[in-house]
């Protein structure tokens, strides 16, 4: 499982002309599911996303002391199978390591449920849709977090 975590002032996602998910201060999560991922990877990743200290004690403080949970932040979770695009050979990415769509959708939805269990506001994109994601990156702070199935 791969997640691009972006600390944001705000973020929203549209499908066509309709906004389907919108958050204020918090984290934008771009989520890639591998063909080997299980619920164990989802559990680990949800805890990591919720507990990483990426925010100052108060707004404007640059010292990272608090997690998104501690600031009562918000989460926008967007599926992104292209995180498993392998560009080492040729001119077209290979997505062999990405989970099949049905399996990925089930795991993605379960991941979202685990994040919602935190009590934070969690918004999503639309799995499999062509989306536009608007990100007001704060910092900018962008991290790649990866968990391989054991």
N, C-alpha and C. Protein backbone atom coordinates (compact mmCIF):
# COMPACT_ATOMS: atom_id res chain seq x y z
N UNK A 1 0.85 -1.17 0.00
CA UNK A 1 0.00 0.00 0.00
C UNK A 1 0.89 1.23 0.00
N UNK A 2 0.52 2.19 -0.81
CA UNK A 2 1.23 3.46 -0.89
C UNK A 2 0.24 4.59 -0.70
N UNK A 3 0.65 5.56 0.12
CA UNK A 3 -0.19 6.73 0.33
C UNK A 3 0.70 7.97 0.24
N UNK A 4 0.28 8.91 -0.58
CA UNK A 4 0.89 10.23 -0.61
C UNK A 4 0.09 11.06 0.39
N UNK A 5 0.77 11.53 1.44
CA UNK A 5 0.13 12.34 2.47
C UNK A 5 0.54 13.78 2.23
N UNK A 6 -0.46 14.65 2.11
CA UNK A 6 -0.19 16.06 1.91
C UNK A 6 -0.92 16.86 2.99
N UNK A 7 -0.14 17.66 3.73
CA UNK A 7 -0.77 18.56 4.71
C UNK A 7 -1.38 19.71 3.92
N UNK A 8 -2.66 19.97 4.17
CA UNK A 8 -3.37 20.97 3.37
C UNK A 8 -4.08 22.00 4.24
N UNK A 9 -4.24 23.17 3.65
CA UNK A 9 -5.11 24.19 4.24
C UNK A 9 -6.55 23.89 3.83
N UNK A 10 -6.70 23.34 2.62
CA UNK A 10 -7.99 22.89 2.12
C UNK A 10 -7.75 22.01 0.91
N UNK A 11 -8.74 21.23 0.56
CA UNK A 11 -8.65 20.37 -0.61
C UNK A 11 -10.06 19.96 -1.01
N UNK A 12 -10.25 19.78 -2.31
CA UNK A 12 -11.54 19.26 -2.77
C UNK A 12 -11.35 18.48 -4.06
N UNK A 13 -12.33 17.64 -4.34
CA UNK A 13 -12.27 16.80 -5.53
C UNK A 13 -13.59 16.95 -6.29
N UNK A 14 -13.47 17.04 -7.62
CA UNK A 14 -14.66 17.14 -8.46
C UNK A 14 -14.70 15.99 -9.46
N UNK A 15 -15.90 15.62 -9.82
CA UNK A 15 -16.15 14.71 -10.93
C UNK A 15 -17.08 15.46 -11.86
N UNK A 16 -16.62 15.68 -13.08
CA UNK A 16 -17.36 16.56 -13.97
C UNK A 16 -17.33 17.96 -13.38
N UNK A 17 -18.47 18.56 -13.22
CA UNK A 17 -18.56 19.91 -12.64
C UNK A 17 -19.00 19.88 -11.18
N UNK A 18 -19.16 18.68 -10.62
CA UNK A 18 -19.70 18.55 -9.27
C UNK A 18 -18.60 18.27 -8.24
N UNK A 19 -18.58 19.06 -7.17
CA UNK A 19 -17.67 18.81 -6.04
C UNK A 19 -18.27 17.66 -5.24
N UNK A 20 -17.48 16.59 -5.06
CA UNK A 20 -18.00 15.42 -4.34
C UNK A 20 -17.34 15.22 -2.98
N UNK A 21 -16.24 15.89 -2.72
CA UNK A 21 -15.57 15.83 -1.42
C UNK A 21 -14.80 17.10 -1.19
N UNK A 22 -14.89 17.65 0.04
CA UNK A 22 -14.23 18.92 0.32
C UNK A 22 -13.85 18.96 1.80
N UNK A 23 -12.60 19.39 2.08
CA UNK A 23 -12.16 19.52 3.46
C UNK A 23 -11.47 20.86 3.68
N UNK A 24 -11.34 21.21 4.96
CA UNK A 24 -10.53 22.34 5.37
C UNK A 24 -9.17 21.82 5.81
N UNK A 25 -8.62 22.39 6.87
CA UNK A 25 -7.28 22.03 7.36
C UNK A 25 -7.21 20.55 7.71
N UNK A 26 -6.19 19.89 7.19
CA UNK A 26 -6.02 18.47 7.46
C UNK A 26 -5.07 17.82 6.48
N UNK A 27 -5.46 16.61 6.05
CA UNK A 27 -4.60 15.82 5.17
C UNK A 27 -5.35 15.38 3.92
N UNK A 28 -4.67 15.52 2.79
CA UNK A 28 -5.13 14.95 1.53
C UNK A 28 -4.36 13.64 1.36
N UNK A 29 -5.07 12.54 1.19
CA UNK A 29 -4.45 11.22 1.07
C UNK A 29 -4.74 10.65 -0.31
N UNK A 30 -3.69 10.44 -1.10
CA UNK A 30 -3.79 9.76 -2.39
C UNK A 30 -3.39 8.32 -2.13
N UNK A 31 -4.29 7.38 -2.41
CA UNK A 31 -4.14 5.99 -1.95
C UNK A 31 -3.99 5.03 -3.11
N UNK A 32 -2.90 4.26 -3.09
CA UNK A 32 -2.67 3.19 -4.06
C UNK A 32 -2.68 1.85 -3.35
N UNK A 33 -3.43 0.91 -3.90
CA UNK A 33 -3.56 -0.43 -3.32
C UNK A 33 -2.82 -1.41 -4.22
N UNK A 34 -1.93 -2.20 -3.60
CA UNK A 34 -1.17 -3.21 -4.35
C UNK A 34 -1.94 -4.52 -4.41
N UNK A 35 -1.54 -5.36 -5.34
CA UNK A 35 -2.21 -6.65 -5.52
C UNK A 35 -1.97 -7.60 -4.35
N UNK A 36 -1.03 -7.30 -3.47
CA UNK A 36 -0.73 -8.15 -2.31
C UNK A 36 -1.28 -7.60 -1.00
N UNK A 37 -1.94 -6.45 -1.03
CA UNK A 37 -2.40 -5.81 0.21
C UNK A 37 -3.53 -6.58 0.87
N UNK A 38 -3.51 -6.53 2.21
CA UNK A 38 -4.54 -7.17 3.04
C UNK A 38 -5.00 -6.15 4.08
N UNK A 39 -5.91 -6.57 4.94
CA UNK A 39 -6.40 -5.69 5.99
C UNK A 39 -5.28 -5.27 6.94
N UNK A 40 -4.26 -6.09 7.09
CA UNK A 40 -3.14 -5.73 7.96
C UNK A 40 -2.45 -4.45 7.48
N UNK A 41 -2.26 -4.31 6.18
CA UNK A 41 -1.64 -3.10 5.63
C UNK A 41 -2.56 -1.90 5.85
N UNK A 42 -3.86 -2.11 5.70
CA UNK A 42 -4.82 -1.02 5.90
C UNK A 42 -4.79 -0.52 7.34
N UNK A 43 -4.76 -1.46 8.30
CA UNK A 43 -4.72 -1.10 9.72
C UNK A 43 -3.49 -0.25 10.02
N UNK A 44 -2.33 -0.74 9.56
CA UNK A 44 -1.07 -0.03 9.80
C UNK A 44 -1.11 1.37 9.19
N UNK A 45 -1.57 1.45 7.95
CA UNK A 45 -1.58 2.73 7.24
C UNK A 45 -2.56 3.72 7.86
N UNK A 46 -3.73 3.25 8.26
CA UNK A 46 -4.70 4.14 8.89
C UNK A 46 -4.11 4.74 10.17
N UNK A 47 -3.50 3.89 11.00
CA UNK A 47 -2.86 4.39 12.23
C UNK A 47 -1.77 5.41 11.90
N UNK A 48 -0.96 5.09 10.90
CA UNK A 48 0.14 5.99 10.52
C UNK A 48 -0.40 7.34 10.07
N UNK A 49 -1.40 7.35 9.21
CA UNK A 49 -1.98 8.60 8.71
C UNK A 49 -2.59 9.43 9.84
N UNK A 50 -3.24 8.78 10.78
CA UNK A 50 -3.90 9.48 11.87
C UNK A 50 -2.93 9.95 12.95
N UNK A 51 -1.79 9.28 13.10
CA UNK A 51 -0.89 9.57 14.22
C UNK A 51 0.37 10.35 13.86
N UNK A 52 0.72 10.45 12.56
CA UNK A 52 1.91 11.21 12.18
C UNK A 52 1.79 12.66 12.67
N UNK A 53 2.84 13.16 13.28
CA UNK A 53 2.85 14.54 13.77
C UNK A 53 3.33 15.46 12.66
N UNK A 54 2.37 16.10 12.02
CA UNK A 54 2.65 16.94 10.86
C UNK A 54 2.21 18.39 11.05
N UNK A 55 1.64 18.71 12.22
CA UNK A 55 1.06 20.03 12.46
C UNK A 55 1.70 20.69 13.67
N UNK A 56 1.79 22.02 13.63
CA UNK A 56 2.28 22.77 14.77
C UNK A 56 1.27 22.76 15.89
N UNK A 57 1.72 23.12 17.09
CA UNK A 57 0.83 23.15 18.26
C UNK A 57 -0.30 24.16 18.05
N UNK A 58 -0.02 25.23 17.31
CA UNK A 58 -1.05 26.17 16.90
C UNK A 58 -0.74 26.58 15.47
N UNK A 59 -1.75 27.08 14.78
CA UNK A 59 -1.54 27.46 13.37
C UNK A 59 -0.45 28.52 13.28
N UNK A 60 0.45 28.36 12.33
CA UNK A 60 1.56 29.27 12.16
C UNK A 60 2.83 28.78 12.83
N UNK A 61 2.71 27.81 13.72
CA UNK A 61 3.87 27.22 14.39
C UNK A 61 4.44 26.15 13.46
N UNK A 62 5.72 26.27 13.11
CA UNK A 62 6.33 25.34 12.16
C UNK A 62 6.81 24.04 12.80
N UNK A 63 6.87 23.96 14.12
CA UNK A 63 7.36 22.75 14.78
C UNK A 63 6.25 21.69 14.77
N UNK A 64 6.54 20.55 14.20
CA UNK A 64 5.54 19.50 14.04
C UNK A 64 5.37 18.75 15.35
N UNK A 65 4.28 19.02 16.05
CA UNK A 65 4.04 18.44 17.36
C UNK A 65 2.74 17.67 17.45
N UNK A 66 1.81 17.91 16.52
CA UNK A 66 0.48 17.32 16.65
C UNK A 66 0.07 16.56 15.39
N UNK A 67 -0.75 15.56 15.60
CA UNK A 67 -1.29 14.76 14.49
C UNK A 67 -2.59 15.39 14.01
N UNK A 68 -3.10 14.88 12.89
CA UNK A 68 -4.38 15.36 12.37
C UNK A 68 -5.49 15.08 13.37
N UNK A 69 -5.38 14.00 14.12
CA UNK A 69 -6.37 13.68 15.15
C UNK A 69 -6.34 14.72 16.26
N UNK A 70 -5.13 15.10 16.69
CA UNK A 70 -4.99 16.04 17.80
C UNK A 70 -5.46 17.45 17.46
N UNK A 71 -5.43 17.82 16.18
CA UNK A 71 -5.91 19.16 15.80
C UNK A 71 -7.36 19.11 15.33
N UNK A 72 -7.99 17.93 15.41
CA UNK A 72 -9.36 17.74 14.92
C UNK A 72 -9.46 18.15 13.46
N UNK A 73 -8.44 17.71 12.68
CA UNK A 73 -8.38 18.04 11.26
C UNK A 73 -9.33 17.18 10.44
N UNK A 74 -9.25 17.36 9.15
CA UNK A 74 -10.14 16.65 8.21
C UNK A 74 -9.30 15.87 7.21
N UNK A 75 -9.91 14.86 6.59
CA UNK A 75 -9.21 14.00 5.64
C UNK A 75 -9.97 13.93 4.33
N UNK A 76 -9.25 14.07 3.23
CA UNK A 76 -9.80 13.81 1.89
C UNK A 76 -9.03 12.63 1.33
N UNK A 77 -9.73 11.54 1.05
CA UNK A 77 -9.10 10.29 0.61
C UNK A 77 -9.49 10.03 -0.84
N UNK A 78 -8.47 9.94 -1.71
CA UNK A 78 -8.70 9.78 -3.14
C UNK A 78 -7.93 8.55 -3.63
N UNK A 79 -8.63 7.63 -4.29
CA UNK A 79 -7.96 6.45 -4.84
C UNK A 79 -7.06 6.87 -5.99
N UNK A 80 -5.88 6.23 -6.06
CA UNK A 80 -4.90 6.60 -7.09
C UNK A 80 -4.07 5.37 -7.46
N UNK A 81 -4.62 4.53 -8.34
CA UNK A 81 -3.92 3.31 -8.72
C UNK A 81 -2.58 3.60 -9.40
N UNK A 82 -2.43 4.81 -9.95
CA UNK A 82 -1.20 5.14 -10.66
C UNK A 82 0.02 5.21 -9.73
N UNK A 83 -0.19 5.18 -8.42
CA UNK A 83 0.95 5.15 -7.49
C UNK A 83 1.77 3.87 -7.67
N UNK A 84 1.17 2.86 -8.29
CA UNK A 84 1.91 1.63 -8.57
C UNK A 84 2.36 1.54 -10.03
N UNK A 85 2.38 2.66 -10.72
CA UNK A 85 2.88 2.67 -12.09
C UNK A 85 4.39 2.46 -12.12
N UNK A 86 4.84 1.48 -12.87
CA UNK A 86 6.27 1.18 -13.00
C UNK A 86 6.74 1.73 -14.35
N UNK A 87 7.64 2.69 -14.30
CA UNK A 87 8.11 3.37 -15.51
C UNK A 87 9.53 3.00 -15.89
N UNK A 88 10.06 1.92 -15.34
CA UNK A 88 11.46 1.57 -15.58
C UNK A 88 11.71 1.09 -17.02
N UNK A 89 10.72 0.48 -17.64
CA UNK A 89 10.91 -0.03 -19.01
C UNK A 89 9.95 0.66 -19.97
N UNK A 90 10.43 0.91 -21.15
CA UNK A 90 9.58 1.45 -22.21
C UNK A 90 9.11 2.87 -21.93
N UNK A 91 8.04 3.25 -22.65
CA UNK A 91 7.52 4.61 -22.54
C UNK A 91 6.11 4.65 -21.97
N UNK A 92 5.59 3.49 -21.63
CA UNK A 92 4.24 3.42 -21.07
C UNK A 92 4.33 2.71 -19.71
N UNK A 93 3.75 3.32 -18.64
CA UNK A 93 3.83 2.68 -17.33
C UNK A 93 3.13 1.33 -17.30
N UNK A 94 3.67 0.44 -16.50
CA UNK A 94 3.03 -0.85 -16.24
C UNK A 94 2.35 -0.76 -14.88
N UNK A 95 1.16 -1.31 -14.78
CA UNK A 95 0.42 -1.28 -13.53
C UNK A 95 0.21 -2.69 -12.99
N UNK A 96 1.16 -3.58 -13.27
CA UNK A 96 1.06 -4.97 -12.86
C UNK A 96 0.93 -5.16 -11.34
N UNK A 97 1.51 -4.25 -10.57
CA UNK A 97 1.47 -4.39 -9.11
C UNK A 97 0.20 -3.81 -8.49
N UNK A 98 -0.58 -3.06 -9.25
CA UNK A 98 -1.84 -2.51 -8.73
C UNK A 98 -2.85 -3.63 -8.54
N UNK A 99 -3.64 -3.50 -7.49
CA UNK A 99 -4.70 -4.48 -7.27
C UNK A 99 -5.75 -4.39 -8.37
N UNK A 100 -6.40 -5.50 -8.66
CA UNK A 100 -7.51 -5.51 -9.63
C UNK A 100 -8.59 -4.56 -9.12
N UNK A 101 -9.33 -3.93 -10.03
CA UNK A 101 -10.30 -2.90 -9.62
C UNK A 101 -11.27 -3.31 -8.51
N UNK A 102 -11.88 -4.48 -8.62
CA UNK A 102 -12.86 -4.87 -7.60
C UNK A 102 -12.22 -5.06 -6.23
N UNK A 103 -11.07 -5.72 -6.19
CA UNK A 103 -10.36 -5.93 -4.93
C UNK A 103 -9.88 -4.59 -4.37
N UNK A 104 -9.35 -3.74 -5.23
CA UNK A 104 -8.86 -2.43 -4.79
C UNK A 104 -9.99 -1.58 -4.22
N UNK A 105 -11.15 -1.62 -4.87
CA UNK A 105 -12.29 -0.84 -4.39
C UNK A 105 -12.72 -1.30 -3.00
N UNK A 106 -12.77 -2.60 -2.79
CA UNK A 106 -13.15 -3.13 -1.48
C UNK A 106 -12.15 -2.71 -0.40
N UNK A 107 -10.86 -2.82 -0.70
CA UNK A 107 -9.84 -2.43 0.27
C UNK A 107 -9.83 -0.92 0.51
N UNK A 108 -10.01 -0.16 -0.54
CA UNK A 108 -10.09 1.30 -0.41
C UNK A 108 -11.25 1.69 0.50
N UNK A 109 -12.42 1.11 0.27
CA UNK A 109 -13.59 1.42 1.10
C UNK A 109 -13.36 1.02 2.56
N UNK A 110 -12.70 -0.09 2.77
CA UNK A 110 -12.39 -0.53 4.14
C UNK A 110 -11.40 0.45 4.79
N UNK A 111 -10.43 0.93 4.04
CA UNK A 111 -9.48 1.92 4.54
C UNK A 111 -10.21 3.19 4.96
N UNK A 112 -11.13 3.65 4.14
CA UNK A 112 -11.93 4.84 4.47
C UNK A 112 -12.72 4.61 5.75
N UNK A 113 -13.32 3.43 5.90
CA UNK A 113 -14.07 3.11 7.12
C UNK A 113 -13.17 3.19 8.35
N UNK A 114 -11.96 2.66 8.24
CA UNK A 114 -11.01 2.68 9.36
C UNK A 114 -10.66 4.12 9.74
N UNK A 115 -10.50 4.99 8.75
CA UNK A 115 -10.22 6.40 9.03
C UNK A 115 -11.43 7.06 9.68
N UNK A 116 -12.63 6.73 9.23
CA UNK A 116 -13.85 7.31 9.80
C UNK A 116 -14.06 6.89 11.25
N UNK A 117 -13.54 5.72 11.61
CA UNK A 117 -13.64 5.26 13.00
C UNK A 117 -12.93 6.21 13.96
N UNK A 118 -12.06 7.08 13.45
CA UNK A 118 -11.35 8.05 14.29
C UNK A 118 -12.27 9.15 14.79
N UNK A 119 -13.42 9.32 14.12
CA UNK A 119 -14.34 10.40 14.47
C UNK A 119 -14.09 11.68 13.70
N UNK A 120 -13.02 11.73 12.93
CA UNK A 120 -12.72 12.91 12.11
C UNK A 120 -13.64 12.96 10.89
N UNK A 121 -13.78 14.15 10.33
CA UNK A 121 -14.49 14.29 9.06
C UNK A 121 -13.63 13.66 7.97
N UNK A 122 -14.20 12.72 7.23
CA UNK A 122 -13.49 12.05 6.14
C UNK A 122 -14.35 12.17 4.88
N UNK A 123 -13.80 12.80 3.86
CA UNK A 123 -14.45 12.93 2.56
C UNK A 123 -13.67 12.07 1.57
N UNK A 124 -14.30 11.73 0.44
CA UNK A 124 -13.64 10.88 -0.55
C UNK A 124 -13.89 11.39 -1.96
N UNK A 125 -13.07 10.84 -2.86
CA UNK A 125 -13.33 10.98 -4.28
C UNK A 125 -14.29 9.87 -4.69
N UNK A 126 -14.37 9.61 -5.98
CA UNK A 126 -15.22 8.54 -6.50
C UNK A 126 -14.32 7.49 -7.13
N UNK A 127 -14.29 6.30 -6.55
CA UNK A 127 -13.40 5.25 -7.00
C UNK A 127 -13.61 4.98 -8.49
N UNK A 128 -12.53 4.98 -9.26
CA UNK A 128 -12.58 4.65 -10.68
C UNK A 128 -13.00 5.78 -11.61
N UNK A 129 -13.39 6.92 -11.03
CA UNK A 129 -13.85 8.03 -11.87
C UNK A 129 -12.66 8.90 -12.29
N UNK A 130 -12.84 9.65 -13.37
CA UNK A 130 -11.88 10.68 -13.75
C UNK A 130 -12.17 11.87 -12.85
N UNK A 131 -11.21 12.22 -12.01
CA UNK A 131 -11.41 13.26 -11.00
C UNK A 131 -10.41 14.40 -11.20
N UNK A 132 -10.77 15.55 -10.68
CA UNK A 132 -9.86 16.68 -10.56
C UNK A 132 -9.71 16.93 -9.06
N UNK A 133 -8.47 16.91 -8.59
CA UNK A 133 -8.20 17.12 -7.17
C UNK A 133 -7.51 18.46 -7.02
N UNK A 134 -8.09 19.31 -6.20
CA UNK A 134 -7.55 20.65 -5.95
C UNK A 134 -6.96 20.65 -4.55
N UNK A 135 -5.66 20.95 -4.46
CA UNK A 135 -4.93 20.80 -3.21
C UNK A 135 -4.24 22.13 -2.88
N UNK A 136 -4.60 22.70 -1.72
CA UNK A 136 -3.91 23.88 -1.20
C UNK A 136 -2.90 23.34 -0.19
N UNK A 137 -1.75 22.89 -0.71
CA UNK A 137 -0.73 22.23 0.09
C UNK A 137 -0.12 23.23 1.06
N UNK A 138 -0.06 22.86 2.33
CA UNK A 138 0.43 23.71 3.40
C UNK A 138 1.88 23.39 3.69
N UNK A 139 2.78 24.27 3.32
CA UNK A 139 4.20 24.06 3.60
C UNK A 139 5.09 24.33 2.41
N UNK A 140 5.11 23.55 1.39
CA UNK A 140 4.34 22.32 1.19
C UNK A 140 4.91 21.15 2.00
N UNK A 141 4.02 20.34 2.50
CA UNK A 141 4.39 19.11 3.19
C UNK A 141 3.78 17.96 2.41
N UNK A 142 4.62 17.11 1.83
CA UNK A 142 4.19 15.95 1.06
C UNK A 142 5.10 14.78 1.39
N UNK A 143 4.50 13.67 1.81
CA UNK A 143 5.25 12.48 2.20
C UNK A 143 4.71 11.26 1.47
N UNK A 144 5.60 10.33 1.13
CA UNK A 144 5.21 9.04 0.60
C UNK A 144 5.37 8.02 1.71
N UNK A 145 4.29 7.35 2.06
CA UNK A 145 4.34 6.31 3.09
C UNK A 145 3.95 5.00 2.41
N UNK A 146 4.76 3.97 2.67
CA UNK A 146 4.54 2.69 1.99
C UNK A 146 4.58 1.58 3.02
N UNK A 147 3.73 0.58 2.82
CA UNK A 147 3.69 -0.62 3.67
C UNK A 147 3.54 -1.82 2.74
N UNK A 148 4.54 -2.67 2.74
CA UNK A 148 4.51 -3.88 1.92
C UNK A 148 3.88 -5.03 2.70
N UNK A 149 3.12 -5.86 2.02
CA UNK A 149 2.54 -7.05 2.65
C UNK A 149 3.65 -7.99 3.04
N UNK A 150 3.50 -8.60 4.19
CA UNK A 150 4.54 -9.53 4.67
C UNK A 150 4.20 -10.95 4.33
